C-alpha atoms as a PDB file:
ATOM      1  CA  UNK A   1       0.000   0.000   0.000  1.00  0.00           C
ATOM      2  CA  UNK A   2       1.287   3.445  -0.903  1.00  0.00           C
ATOM      3  CA  UNK A   3       0.399   6.492   1.146  1.00  0.00           C
ATOM      4  CA  UNK A   4       0.868  10.023  -0.105  1.00  0.00           C
ATOM      5  CA  UNK A   5       1.080  12.374   2.880  1.00  0.00           C
ATOM      6  CA  UNK A   6       1.392  16.122   3.086  1.00  0.00           C
ATOM      7  CA  UNK A   7       0.811  19.079   5.309  1.00  0.00           C
ATOM      8  CA  UNK A   8      -1.034  21.798   3.414  1.00  0.00           C
ATOM      9  CA  UNK A   9       1.525  24.438   4.366  1.00  0.00           C
ATOM     10  CA  UNK A  10       4.749  25.633   2.754  1.00  0.00           C
ATOM     11  CA  UNK A  11       6.445  26.198   6.119  1.00  0.00           C
ATOM     12  CA  UNK A  12       9.818  24.460   6.478  1.00  0.00           C
ATOM     13  CA  UNK A  13       8.767  23.588  10.032  1.00  0.00           C
ATOM     14  CA  UNK A  14       5.133  22.845   9.257  1.00  0.00           C
ATOM     15  CA  UNK A  15       3.352  21.331  12.221  1.00  0.00           C
ATOM     16  CA  UNK A  16       0.780  19.894   9.823  1.00  0.00           C
ATOM     17  CA  UNK A  17       3.494  18.161   7.828  1.00  0.00           C
ATOM     18  CA  UNK A  18       4.887  16.705  11.076  1.00  0.00           C
ATOM     19  CA  UNK A  19       1.427  15.387  11.974  1.00  0.00           C
ATOM     20  CA  UNK A  20       0.866  13.960   8.479  1.00  0.00           C
ATOM     21  CA  UNK A  21       4.229  12.153   8.513  1.00  0.00           C
ATOM     22  CA  UNK A  22       3.646  10.720  11.984  1.00  0.00           C
ATOM     23  CA  UNK A  23       0.164   9.565  11.034  1.00  0.00           C
ATOM     24  CA  UNK A  24       1.105   8.041   7.676  1.00  0.00           C
ATOM     25  CA  UNK A  25       3.802   5.982   9.361  1.00  0.00           C
ATOM     26  CA  UNK A  26       1.237   4.465  11.744  1.00  0.00           C
ATOM     27  CA  UNK A  27      -0.274   2.463   8.874  1.00  0.00           C
ATOM     28  CA  UNK A  28       1.138  -1.067   8.788  1.00  0.00           C
ATOM     29  CA  UNK A  29       2.973  -2.311   5.693  1.00  0.00           C
ATOM     30  CA  UNK A  30       2.761   1.058   3.977  1.00  0.00           C
ATOM     31  CA  UNK A  31       5.227   2.813   1.743  1.00  0.00           C
ATOM     32  CA  UNK A  32       4.980   6.508   2.605  1.00  0.00           C
ATOM     33  CA  UNK A  33       5.814   9.337   0.225  1.00  0.00           C
ATOM     34  CA  UNK A  34       5.738  12.813   1.718  1.00  0.00           C
ATOM     35  CA  UNK A  35       5.008  15.747  -0.555  1.00  0.00           C
ATOM     36  CA  UNK A  36       6.421  19.197   0.156  1.00  0.00           C
ATOM     37  CA  UNK A  37       4.265  22.027  -1.170  1.00  0.00           C
ATOM     38  CA  UNK A  38       7.442  23.989  -1.882  1.00  0.00           C
ATOM     39  CA  UNK A  39       8.164  21.538  -4.699  1.00  0.00           C
ATOM     40  CA  UNK A  40       4.969  22.717  -6.421  1.00  0.00           C
ATOM     41  CA  UNK A  41       5.328  26.511  -6.354  1.00  0.00           C
ATOM     42  CA  UNK A  42       3.543  28.134  -9.270  1.00  0.00           C
ATOM     43  CA  UNK A  43       2.521  31.673 -10.118  1.00  0.00           C
ATOM     44  CA  UNK A  44      -0.717  32.730  -8.479  1.00  0.00           C
ATOM     45  CA  UNK A  45      -3.481  31.209 -10.549  1.00  0.00           C
ATOM     46  CA  UNK A  46      -5.388  33.522 -12.872  1.00  0.00           C
ATOM     47  CA  UNK A  47      -7.210  32.754 -16.092  1.00  0.00           C
ATOM     48  CA  UNK A  48      -4.887  35.210 -17.832  1.00  0.00           C
ATOM     49  CA  UNK A  49      -1.789  33.245 -16.820  1.00  0.00           C
ATOM     50  CA  UNK A  50      -3.517  29.986 -17.690  1.00  0.00           C
ATOM     51  CA  UNK A  51      -4.335  31.328 -21.167  1.00  0.00           C
ATOM     52  CA  UNK A  52      -0.708  32.351 -21.579  1.00  0.00           C
ATOM     53  CA  UNK A  53       1.030  29.166 -20.370  1.00  0.00           C
ATOM     54  CA  UNK A  54      -1.685  26.502 -20.387  1.00  0.00           C
ATOM     55  CA  UNK A  55      -1.718  23.675 -17.861  1.00  0.00           C
ATOM     56  CA  UNK A  56       1.149  24.133 -15.455  1.00  0.00           C
ATOM     57  CA  UNK A  57       3.644  21.270 -15.381  1.00  0.00           C
ATOM     58  CA  UNK A  58       3.858  21.331 -11.569  1.00  0.00           C
ATOM     59  CA  UNK A  59       0.089  20.965 -11.291  1.00  0.00           C
ATOM     60  CA  UNK A  60       0.341  17.941 -13.583  1.00  0.00           C
ATOM     61  CA  UNK A  61       3.136  16.570 -11.382  1.00  0.00           C
ATOM     62  CA  UNK A  62       1.053  17.048  -8.217  1.00  0.00           C
ATOM     63  CA  UNK A  63      -1.906  15.238  -9.777  1.00  0.00           C
ATOM     64  CA  UNK A  64       0.408  12.447 -10.953  1.00  0.00           C
ATOM     65  CA  UNK A  65       1.639  11.981  -7.371  1.00  0.00           C
ATOM     66  CA  UNK A  66      -1.948  11.766  -6.093  1.00  0.00           C
ATOM     67  CA  UNK A  67      -2.673   9.165  -8.789  1.00  0.00           C
ATOM     68  CA  UNK A  68       0.025   6.855  -7.368  1.00  0.00           C
ATOM     69  CA  UNK A  69      -1.555   6.749  -3.913  1.00  0.00           C
ATOM     70  CA  UNK A  70      -3.684   4.059  -2.379  1.00  0.00           C
ATOM     71  CA  UNK A  71      -4.404   6.370   0.576  1.00  0.00           C
ATOM     72  CA  UNK A  72      -4.030  10.102   1.163  1.00  0.00           C
ATOM     73  CA  UNK A  73      -3.067  11.513   4.559  1.00  0.00           C
ATOM     74  CA  UNK A  74      -3.617  15.262   4.421  1.00  0.00           C
ATOM     75  CA  UNK A  75      -3.218  17.680   7.316  1.00  0.00           C
ATOM     76  CA  UNK A  76      -4.617  21.132   6.642  1.00  0.00           C
ATOM     77  CA  UNK A  77      -2.856  24.249   7.870  1.00  0.00           C
ATOM     78  CA  UNK A  78      -5.175  26.996   9.008  1.00  0.00           C
ATOM     79  CA  UNK A  79      -4.334  30.530   7.916  1.00  0.00           C
ATOM     80  CA  UNK A  80      -6.901  33.056   9.117  1.00  0.00           C
ATOM     81  CA  UNK A  81      -9.516  30.324   9.342  1.00  0.00           C
ATOM     82  CA  UNK A  82      -8.963  28.974   5.838  1.00  0.00           C
ATOM     83  CA  UNK A  83      -6.513  27.117   3.560  1.00  0.00           C
ATOM     84  CA  UNK A  84      -2.943  28.329   3.304  1.00  0.00           C
ATOM     85  CA  UNK A  85      -2.389  30.430   0.174  1.00  0.00           C
ATOM     86  CA  UNK A  86       0.219  27.932  -1.062  1.00  0.00           C
ATOM     87  CA  UNK A  87      -2.190  24.996  -0.863  1.00  0.00           C
ATOM     88  CA  UNK A  88      -5.061  26.969  -2.386  1.00  0.00           C
ATOM     89  CA  UNK A  89      -2.895  27.975  -5.339  1.00  0.00           C
ATOM     90  CA  UNK A  90      -1.806  24.388  -6.043  1.00  0.00           C
ATOM     91  CA  UNK A  91      -5.407  23.278  -5.656  1.00  0.00           C
ATOM     92  CA  UNK A  92      -6.643  25.983  -8.067  1.00  0.00           C
ATOM     93  CA  UNK A  93      -4.109  25.036 -10.755  1.00  0.00           C
ATOM     94  CA  UNK A  94      -4.924  21.343 -10.348  1.00  0.00           C
ATOM     95  CA  UNK A  95      -8.688  21.810 -10.629  1.00  0.00           C
ATOM     96  CA  UNK A  96      -8.186  23.332 -14.072  1.00  0.00           C
ATOM     97  CA  UNK A  97      -6.666  20.018 -15.211  1.00  0.00           C
ATOM     98  CA  UNK A  98      -8.790  17.598 -13.197  1.00  0.00           C
ATOM     99  CA  UNK A  99     -11.676  18.865 -11.073  1.00  0.00           C
ATOM    100  CA  UNK A 100     -11.420  15.608  -9.109  1.00  0.00           C
ATOM    101  CA  UNK A 101      -8.025  16.577  -7.675  1.00  0.00           C
ATOM    102  CA  UNK A 102      -8.076  13.869  -5.005  1.00  0.00           C
ATOM    103  CA  UNK A 103      -9.136  11.223  -7.529  1.00  0.00           C
ATOM    104  CA  UNK A 104     -11.476   9.384  -5.128  1.00  0.00           C
ATOM    105  CA  UNK A 105      -8.517   8.097  -3.097  1.00  0.00           C
ATOM    106  CA  UNK A 106      -9.416   7.101   0.471  1.00  0.00           C
ATOM    107  CA  UNK A 107      -8.395  10.046   2.643  1.00  0.00           C
ATOM    108  CA  UNK A 108      -7.624  10.664   6.275  1.00  0.00           C
ATOM    109  CA  UNK A 109      -8.173  14.411   6.592  1.00  0.00           C
ATOM    110  CA  UNK A 110      -6.593  16.162   9.560  1.00  0.00           C
ATOM    111  CA  UNK A 111      -5.549  19.510  10.960  1.00  0.00           C
ATOM    112  CA  UNK A 112      -3.537  20.860  13.831  1.00  0.00           C
ATOM    113  CA  UNK A 113      -2.706  24.321  15.097  1.00  0.00           C
ATOM    114  CA  UNK A 114      -1.087  25.959  18.093  1.00  0.00           C
ATOM    115  CA  UNK A 115      -4.566  26.806  19.388  1.00  0.00           C
ATOM    116  CA  UNK A 116      -7.077  24.753  21.320  1.00  0.00           C
ATOM    117  CA  UNK A 117      -9.384  24.296  18.315  1.00  0.00           C
ATOM    118  CA  UNK A 118      -6.746  22.357  16.350  1.00  0.00           C
ATOM    119  CA  UNK A 119      -7.531  23.909  12.988  1.00  0.00           C
ATOM    120  CA  UNK A 120     -11.245  23.158  13.310  1.00  0.00           C
ATOM    121  CA  UNK A 121     -12.253  25.940  10.906  1.00  0.00           C
ATOM    122  CA  UNK A 122     -10.107  24.800   7.993  1.00  0.00           C
ATOM    123  CA  UNK A 123     -10.862  21.152   8.736  1.00  0.00           C
ATOM    124  CA  UNK A 124     -14.582  21.901   8.472  1.00  0.00           C
ATOM    125  CA  UNK A 125     -14.127  23.822   5.224  1.00  0.00           C
ATOM    126  CA  UNK A 126     -12.045  21.027   3.685  1.00  0.00           C
ATOM    127  CA  UNK A 127     -14.381  18.284   4.931  1.00  0.00           C
ATOM    128  CA  UNK A 128     -17.333  19.997   3.252  1.00  0.00           C
ATOM    129  CA  UNK A 129     -15.533  20.992   0.041  1.00  0.00           C
ATOM    130  CA  UNK A 130     -13.191  18.108  -0.798  1.00  0.00           C
ATOM    131  CA  UNK A 131     -15.894  15.570  -1.732  1.00  0.00           C
ATOM    132  CA  UNK A 132     -16.780  17.850  -4.682  1.00  0.00           C
ATOM    133  CA  UNK A 133     -13.152  17.501  -5.805  1.00  0.00           C
ATOM    134  CA  UNK A 134     -12.811  13.740  -5.581  1.00  0.00           C
ATOM    135  CA  UNK A 135     -12.039  13.652  -1.866  1.00  0.00           C
ATOM    136  CA  UNK A 136     -13.111  10.274  -0.503  1.00  0.00           C
ATOM    137  CA  UNK A 137     -12.850  11.319   3.143  1.00  0.00           C
ATOM    138  CA  UNK A 138     -13.048   8.253   5.334  1.00  0.00           C
ATOM    139  CA  UNK A 139     -12.476  10.055   8.621  1.00  0.00           C
ATOM    140  CA  UNK A 140     -11.027  13.183  10.195  1.00  0.00           C
ATOM    141  CA  UNK A 141      -8.760  13.984  13.118  1.00  0.00           C
ATOM    142  CA  UNK A 142      -7.881  17.253  14.821  1.00  0.00           C
ATOM    143  CA  UNK A 143      -4.898  17.693  17.128  1.00  0.00           C
ATOM    144  CA  UNK A 144      -5.420  20.729  19.360  1.00  0.00           C
ATOM    145  CA  UNK A 145      -2.631  22.770  20.940  1.00  0.00           C
ATOM    146  CA  UNK A 146       0.192  21.270  18.884  1.00  0.00           C
ATOM    147  CA  UNK A 147       3.045  22.379  21.143  1.00  0.00           C
ATOM    148  CA  UNK A 148       1.380  20.843  24.219  1.00  0.00           C
ATOM    149  CA  UNK A 149       0.377  17.577  22.508  1.00  0.00           C
ATOM    150  CA  UNK A 150       3.186  16.745  20.068  1.00  0.00           C
ATOM    151  CA  UNK A 151       6.765  15.839  20.975  1.00  0.00           C
ATOM    152  CA  UNK A 152       8.793  17.426  18.157  1.00  0.00           C
ATOM    153  CA  UNK A 153      12.072  15.865  19.334  1.00  0.00           C
ATOM    154  CA  UNK A 154      10.627  12.363  18.954  1.00  0.00           C
ATOM    155  CA  UNK A 155       8.147  13.197  16.181  1.00  0.00           C
ATOM    156  CA  UNK A 156       5.070  11.769  17.859  1.00  0.00           C
ATOM    157  CA  UNK A 157       1.918  12.743  19.684  1.00  0.00           C
ATOM    158  CA  UNK A 158       2.781  13.084  23.362  1.00  0.00           C
ATOM    159  CA  UNK A 159      -0.773  13.143  24.703  1.00  0.00           C
ATOM    160  CA  UNK A 160      -1.617   9.463  25.251  1.00  0.00           C
ATOM    161  CA  UNK A 161      -5.381   9.958  24.930  1.00  0.00           C
ATOM    162  CA  UNK A 162      -5.091  11.792  21.600  1.00  0.00           C
ATOM    163  CA  UNK A 163      -2.475   9.343  20.348  1.00  0.00           C
ATOM    164  CA  UNK A 164      -4.781   6.438  21.163  1.00  0.00           C
ATOM    165  CA  UNK A 165      -7.653   8.183  19.362  1.00  0.00           C
ATOM    166  CA  UNK A 166      -5.532   8.532  16.241  1.00  0.00           C
ATOM    167  CA  UNK A 167      -4.294   4.939  16.438  1.00  0.00           C
ATOM    168  CA  UNK A 168      -7.901   3.758  16.763  1.00  0.00           C
ATOM    169  CA  UNK A 169      -8.760   5.747  13.632  1.00  0.00           C
ATOM    170  CA  UNK A 170      -5.881   4.082  11.775  1.00  0.00           C
ATOM    171  CA  UNK A 171      -6.882   0.606  12.989  1.00  0.00           C
ATOM    172  CA  UNK A 172     -10.455   1.148  11.777  1.00  0.00           C
ATOM    173  CA  UNK A 173      -9.543   2.911   8.519  1.00  0.00           C
ATOM    174  CA  UNK A 174     -11.501   1.444   5.629  1.00  0.00           C
ATOM    175  CA  UNK A 175     -10.009   1.500   2.167  1.00  0.00           C
END
C-alpha cells in the first residue's frame, strides 16, 4: 500500500506536515511518500496566466503523485480560518486540469494548530468541500494545541489519549 502524505503548508517547520508524517507511518505495511508544497510553487493562478502558459507542469506533477496513492493523509494548515495560500494555489491550478483533484482516493483528513481548536475551521471547510473535488474522506482527526500535545524531538503525539484516538482511527480505517 502506498500512502501520499502532506501538510497543506509551505512552512519548512510545518506542524501539519509533522502530523501527516507521523500519522502516515502508523499504517502497517505502507510505503509513505511525503510531498512538500514547496516543490509545487507556481505563479498565483489567474485565467490570464492559464491562457498564456496553459496547464502548469507542476500541477500535472502534483496530480500524478496523487494518482500513485492508495491512501491520502492530508493535514490542513489553518491561515486566518482557511486554507494556506500555497495549498489553495496548487489546488486551483490542479482543478483546471482535473476537477477531481483527489481522484477518489481514500483520505484521512486532519488539521492541527497551536490553538485549542486544532484547525477546526479549515478542517470543516475542507471536509465539506473536498468531496466535490474527488475527496473520498473516510475520517477526520484534529490535534489541538500542537506544542502541548506533540513531541517534536521524537516526532510523535505526546498526549496518550489523543495518540490512542488517532491509532484507533488508523486501525479502523476502511479502504
